[in-house]
PDB file of all heavy atoms in Angstrom:
ATOM      1  N   LEU A   1      -2.261  -2.144   5.614  1.00  0.00           N
ATOM      2  CA  LEU A   1      -3.499  -1.486   5.063  1.00  0.00           C
ATOM      3  C   LEU A   1      -3.561  -1.504   3.630  1.00  0.00           C
ATOM      4  O   LEU A   1      -4.602  -1.863   3.082  1.00  0.00           O
ATOM      5  CB  LEU A   1      -3.482  -0.016   5.682  1.00  0.00           C
ATOM      6  CG  LEU A   1      -4.097   0.037   7.028  1.00  0.00           C
ATOM      7  CD1 LEU A   1      -3.973   1.534   7.448  1.00  0.00           C
ATOM      8  CD2 LEU A   1      -5.494  -0.334   7.166  1.00  0.00           C
ATOM      9  N   PHE A   2      -2.483  -1.085   2.949  1.00  0.00           N
ATOM     10  CA  PHE A   2      -2.619  -0.719   1.526  1.00  0.00           C
ATOM     11  C   PHE A   2      -1.789  -1.722   0.693  1.00  0.00           C
ATOM     12  O   PHE A   2      -1.815  -1.620  -0.556  1.00  0.00           O
ATOM     13  CB  PHE A   2      -2.040   0.677   1.272  1.00  0.00           C
ATOM     14  CG  PHE A   2      -2.717   1.748   2.160  1.00  0.00           C
ATOM     15  CD1 PHE A   2      -2.064   2.298   3.220  1.00  0.00           C
ATOM     16  CD2 PHE A   2      -4.064   2.052   2.008  1.00  0.00           C
ATOM     17  CE1 PHE A   2      -2.707   3.251   3.960  1.00  0.00           C
ATOM     18  CE2 PHE A   2      -4.782   2.955   2.751  1.00  0.00           C
ATOM     19  CZ  PHE A   2      -4.087   3.601   3.760  1.00  0.00           C
ATOM     20  N   GLY A   3      -0.928  -2.628   1.296  1.00  0.00           N
ATOM     21  CA  GLY A   3      -0.214  -3.499   0.476  1.00  0.00           C
ATOM     22  C   GLY A   3       1.098  -2.907  -0.036  1.00  0.00           C
ATOM     23  O   GLY A   3       1.326  -1.773   0.174  1.00  0.00           O
ATOM     24  N   GLY A   4       2.065  -3.751  -0.402  1.00  0.00           N
ATOM     25  CA  GLY A   4       3.364  -3.369  -0.865  1.00  0.00           C
ATOM     26  C   GLY A   4       4.097  -2.922   0.344  1.00  0.00           C
ATOM     27  O   GLY A   4       3.821  -2.975   1.577  1.00  0.00           O
ATOM     28  N   GLY A   5       5.278  -2.186   0.147  1.00  0.00           N
ATOM     29  CA  GLY A   5       6.163  -1.823   1.223  1.00  0.00           C
ATOM     30  C   GLY A   5       6.345  -0.301   1.057  1.00  0.00           C
ATOM     31  O   GLY A   5       7.219   0.280   1.730  1.00  0.00           O
ATOM     32  N   GLY A   6       5.510   0.287   0.207  1.00  0.00           N
ATOM     33  CA  GLY A   6       5.688   1.775  -0.148  1.00  0.00           C
ATOM     34  C   GLY A   6       5.620   2.633   1.086  1.00  0.00           C
ATOM     35  O   GLY A   6       6.645   3.100   1.556  1.00  0.00           O
ATOM     36  N   GLY A   7       4.391   3.012   1.436  1.00  0.00           N
ATOM     37  CA  GLY A   7       4.310   3.914   2.624  1.00  0.00           C
ATOM     38  C   GLY A   7       4.813   5.293   2.373  1.00  0.00           C
ATOM     39  O   GLY A   7       5.499   5.612   1.445  1.00  0.00           O
ATOM     40  N   ALA A   8       4.287   6.214   3.200  1.00  0.00           N
ATOM     41  CA  ALA A   8       4.559   7.612   2.991  1.00  0.00           C
ATOM     42  C   ALA A   8       5.904   7.945   3.160  1.00  0.00           C
ATOM     43  O   ALA A   8       6.359   8.890   2.536  1.00  0.00           O
ATOM     44  CB  ALA A   8       3.615   8.510   3.988  1.00  0.00           C
ATOM     45  N   ARG A   9       6.710   7.337   3.935  1.00  0.00           N
ATOM     46  CA  ARG A   9       8.033   7.631   4.203  1.00  0.00           C
ATOM     47  C   ARG A   9       8.948   7.464   3.052  1.00  0.00           C
ATOM     48  O   ARG A   9       9.969   8.095   2.866  1.00  0.00           O
ATOM     49  CB  ARG A   9       8.618   6.911   5.361  1.00  0.00           C
ATOM     50  CG  ARG A   9       8.024   7.140   6.712  1.00  0.00           C
ATOM     51  CD  ARG A   9       8.577   6.442   7.791  1.00  0.00           C
ATOM     52  NE  ARG A   9       7.978   6.731   9.044  1.00  0.00           N
ATOM     53  CZ  ARG A   9       8.270   6.056  10.184  1.00  0.00           C
ATOM     54  NH1 ARG A   9       9.251   5.154  10.297  1.00  0.00           N
ATOM     55  NH2 ARG A   9       7.708   6.385  11.337  1.00  0.00           N
ATOM     56  N   GLU A  10       8.531   6.673   2.096  1.00  0.00           N
ATOM     57  CA  GLU A  10       9.298   6.336   0.847  1.00  0.00           C
ATOM     58  C   GLU A  10       8.896   7.391  -0.218  1.00  0.00           C
ATOM     59  O   GLU A  10       9.388   7.272  -1.360  1.00  0.00           O
ATOM     60  CB  GLU A  10       9.235   4.917   0.441  1.00  0.00           C
ATOM     61  CG  GLU A  10       9.811   3.939   1.517  1.00  0.00           C
ATOM     62  CD  GLU A  10       9.656   2.592   1.004  1.00  0.00           C
ATOM     63  OE1 GLU A  10       9.441   2.237  -0.148  1.00  0.00           O
ATOM     64  OE2 GLU A  10       9.860   1.698   1.898  1.00  0.00           O
ATOM     65  N   GLY A  11       8.008   8.305  -0.006  1.00  0.00           N
ATOM     66  CA  GLY A  11       7.677   9.307  -0.900  1.00  0.00           C
ATOM     67  C   GLY A  11       6.663   8.914  -2.036  1.00  0.00           C
ATOM     68  O   GLY A  11       6.474   9.620  -2.955  1.00  0.00           O
ATOM     69  N   ARG A  12       6.033   7.792  -1.872  1.00  0.00           N
ATOM     70  CA  ARG A  12       4.974   7.375  -2.794  1.00  0.00           C
ATOM     71  C   ARG A  12       3.609   8.085  -2.421  1.00  0.00           C
ATOM     72  O   ARG A  12       3.078   7.723  -1.395  1.00  0.00           O
ATOM     73  CB  ARG A  12       4.854   5.916  -2.934  1.00  0.00           C
ATOM     74  CG  ARG A  12       6.130   5.250  -3.341  1.00  0.00           C
ATOM     75  CD  ARG A  12       5.903   3.819  -3.422  1.00  0.00           C
ATOM     76  NE  ARG A  12       7.177   3.166  -3.736  1.00  0.00           N
ATOM     77  CZ  ARG A  12       7.313   1.760  -3.879  1.00  0.00           C
ATOM     78  NH1 ARG A  12       6.350   0.992  -3.762  1.00  0.00           N
ATOM     79  NH2 ARG A  12       8.548   1.277  -4.234  1.00  0.00           N
ATOM     80  N   ALA A  13       3.141   8.908  -3.325  1.00  0.00           N
ATOM     81  CA  ALA A  13       1.898   9.605  -3.015  1.00  0.00           C
ATOM     82  C   ALA A  13       0.700   8.819  -3.267  1.00  0.00           C
ATOM     83  O   ALA A  13      -0.338   9.107  -2.737  1.00  0.00           O
ATOM     84  CB  ALA A  13       1.892  10.871  -3.865  1.00  0.00           C
ATOM     85  N   GLU A  14       0.884   7.657  -4.122  1.00  0.00           N
ATOM     86  CA  GLU A  14      -0.265   6.871  -4.602  1.00  0.00           C
ATOM     87  C   GLU A  14      -0.365   5.604  -3.574  1.00  0.00           C
ATOM     88  O   GLU A  14       0.597   5.104  -3.220  1.00  0.00           O
ATOM     89  CB  GLU A  14      -0.006   6.409  -5.946  1.00  0.00           C
ATOM     90  CG  GLU A  14      -1.172   5.653  -6.498  1.00  0.00           C
ATOM     91  CD  GLU A  14      -0.838   5.269  -7.933  1.00  0.00           C
ATOM     92  OE1 GLU A  14       0.277   5.368  -8.344  1.00  0.00           O
ATOM     93  OE2 GLU A  14      -1.763   4.703  -8.673  1.00  0.00           O
ATOM     94  N   SER A  15      -1.642   5.465  -3.128  1.00  0.00           N
ATOM     95  CA  SER A  15      -1.857   4.326  -2.280  1.00  0.00           C
ATOM     96  C   SER A  15      -1.896   3.149  -3.090  1.00  0.00           C
ATOM     97  O   SER A  15      -2.461   2.952  -4.097  1.00  0.00           O
ATOM     98  CB  SER A  15      -3.268   4.423  -1.670  1.00  0.00           C
ATOM     99  OG  SER A  15      -3.331   5.588  -0.771  1.00  0.00           O
ATOM    100  N   ARG A  16      -1.040   2.190  -2.602  1.00  0.00           N
ATOM    101  CA  ARG A  16      -0.942   0.916  -3.417  1.00  0.00           C
ATOM    102  C   ARG A  16      -1.744  -0.281  -2.759  1.00  0.00           C
ATOM    103  O   ARG A  16      -1.642  -0.464  -1.588  1.00  0.00           O
ATOM    104  CB  ARG A  16       0.573   0.437  -3.478  1.00  0.00           C
ATOM    105  CG  ARG A  16       0.730  -0.834  -4.275  1.00  0.00           C
ATOM    106  CD  ARG A  16       2.198  -1.265  -4.222  1.00  0.00           C
ATOM    107  NE  ARG A  16       2.387  -2.527  -4.895  1.00  0.00           N
ATOM    108  CZ  ARG A  16       3.470  -3.270  -4.906  1.00  0.00           C
ATOM    109  NH1 ARG A  16       4.501  -2.742  -4.307  1.00  0.00           N
ATOM    110  NH2 ARG A  16       3.537  -4.352  -5.525  1.00  0.00           N
ATOM    111  N   ILE A  17      -2.476  -0.898  -3.493  1.00  0.00           N
ATOM    112  CA  ILE A  17      -3.237  -2.083  -3.003  1.00  0.00           C
ATOM    113  C   ILE A  17      -2.887  -3.260  -3.832  1.00  0.00           C
ATOM    114  O   ILE A  17      -2.994  -3.278  -5.097  1.00  0.00           O
ATOM    115  CB  ILE A  17      -4.718  -1.739  -3.164  1.00  0.00           C
ATOM    116  CG1 ILE A  17      -5.169  -0.582  -2.334  1.00  0.00           C
ATOM    117  CG2 ILE A  17      -5.579  -2.970  -2.741  1.00  0.00           C
ATOM    118  CD1 ILE A  17      -6.610  -0.247  -2.323  1.00  0.00           C
ATOM    119  N   ASP A  18      -2.480  -4.362  -3.147  1.00  0.00           N
ATOM    120  CA  ASP A  18      -2.285  -5.617  -3.901  1.00  0.00           C
ATOM    121  C   ASP A  18      -3.062  -6.618  -3.229  1.00  0.00           C
ATOM    122  O   ASP A  18      -3.789  -6.306  -2.235  1.00  0.00           O
ATOM    123  CB  ASP A  18      -0.773  -5.917  -3.911  1.00  0.00           C
ATOM    124  CG  ASP A  18      -0.165  -6.056  -2.558  1.00  0.00           C
ATOM    125  OD1 ASP A  18      -0.816  -6.297  -1.619  1.00  0.00           O
ATOM    126  OD2 ASP A  18       1.032  -5.923  -2.479  1.00  0.00           O
ATOM    127  N   ASP A  19      -2.959  -7.902  -3.598  1.00  0.00           N
ATOM    128  CA  ASP A  19      -3.800  -8.855  -3.042  1.00  0.00           C
ATOM    129  C   ASP A  19      -3.423  -9.236  -1.519  1.00  0.00           C
ATOM    130  O   ASP A  19      -4.216  -9.845  -0.915  1.00  0.00           O
ATOM    131  CB  ASP A  19      -3.422 -10.311  -3.811  1.00  0.00           C
ATOM    132  CG  ASP A  19      -4.044 -10.191  -5.156  1.00  0.00           C
ATOM    133  OD1 ASP A  19      -4.929  -9.274  -5.483  1.00  0.00           O
ATOM    134  OD2 ASP A  19      -3.573 -10.951  -6.068  1.00  0.00           O
ATOM    135  N   GLY A  20      -2.313  -8.695  -1.035  1.00  0.00           N
ATOM    136  CA  GLY A  20      -2.013  -8.962   0.439  1.00  0.00           C
ATOM    137  C   GLY A  20      -2.594  -7.828   1.230  1.00  0.00           C
ATOM    138  O   GLY A  20      -2.402  -7.950   2.477  1.00  0.00           O
ATOM    139  N   SER A  21      -3.104  -6.769   0.807  1.00  0.00           N
ATOM    140  CA  SER A  21      -3.566  -5.571   1.615  1.00  0.00           C
ATOM    141  C   SER A  21      -4.864  -5.949   2.310  1.00  0.00           C
ATOM    142  O   SER A  21      -5.694  -6.725   1.802  1.00  0.00           O
ATOM    143  CB  SER A  21      -3.735  -4.390   0.799  1.00  0.00           C
ATOM    144  OG  SER A  21      -4.847  -4.453  -0.047  1.00  0.00           O
ATOM    145  N   ALA A  22      -5.038  -5.360   3.426  1.00  0.00           N
ATOM    146  CA  ALA A  22      -6.252  -5.552   4.223  1.00  0.00           C
ATOM    147  C   ALA A  22      -7.418  -5.003   3.474  1.00  0.00           C
ATOM    148  O   ALA A  22      -8.626  -5.573   3.500  1.00  0.00           O
ATOM    149  CB  ALA A  22      -6.153  -4.834   5.613  1.00  0.00           C
ATOM    150  N   VAL A  23      -7.254  -3.836   2.727  1.00  0.00           N
ATOM    151  CA  VAL A  23      -8.376  -3.300   1.964  1.00  0.00           C
ATOM    152  C   VAL A  23      -8.823  -4.321   0.877  1.00  0.00           C
ATOM    153  O   VAL A  23     -10.023  -4.533   0.634  1.00  0.00           O
ATOM    154  CB  VAL A  23      -7.997  -2.016   1.313  1.00  0.00           C
ATOM    155  CG1 VAL A  23      -9.071  -1.430   0.472  1.00  0.00           C
ATOM    156  CG2 VAL A  23      -7.581  -0.983   2.458  1.00  0.00           C
ATOM    157  N   ALA A  24      -7.888  -4.957   0.229  1.00  0.00           N
ATOM    158  CA  ALA A  24      -8.233  -5.997  -0.815  1.00  0.00           C
ATOM    159  C   ALA A  24      -8.879  -7.220  -0.154  1.00  0.00           C
ATOM    160  O   ALA A  24      -9.873  -7.732  -0.662  1.00  0.00           O
ATOM    161  CB  ALA A  24      -7.021  -6.322  -1.557  1.00  0.00           C
ATOM    162  N   LEU A  25      -8.314  -7.570   1.001  1.00  0.00           N
ATOM    163  CA  LEU A  25      -8.807  -8.837   1.591  1.00  0.00           C
ATOM    164  C   LEU A  25     -10.242  -8.617   2.013  1.00  0.00           C
ATOM    165  O   LEU A  25     -10.996  -9.609   2.206  1.00  0.00           O
ATOM    166  CB  LEU A  25      -7.828  -9.221   2.770  1.00  0.00           C
ATOM    167  CG  LEU A  25      -6.469  -9.772   2.380  1.00  0.00           C
ATOM    168  CD1 LEU A  25      -5.713  -9.904   3.630  1.00  0.00           C
ATOM    169  CD2 LEU A  25      -6.687 -11.052   1.583  1.00  0.00           C
TER     170      LEU A  25
END
């Protein structure tokens, strides 16, 4: 969905979007 490998389990509060995310595509 958001790109990257971050995810909530890794404690990143910020949604990350990169060129590979569904939202960006």
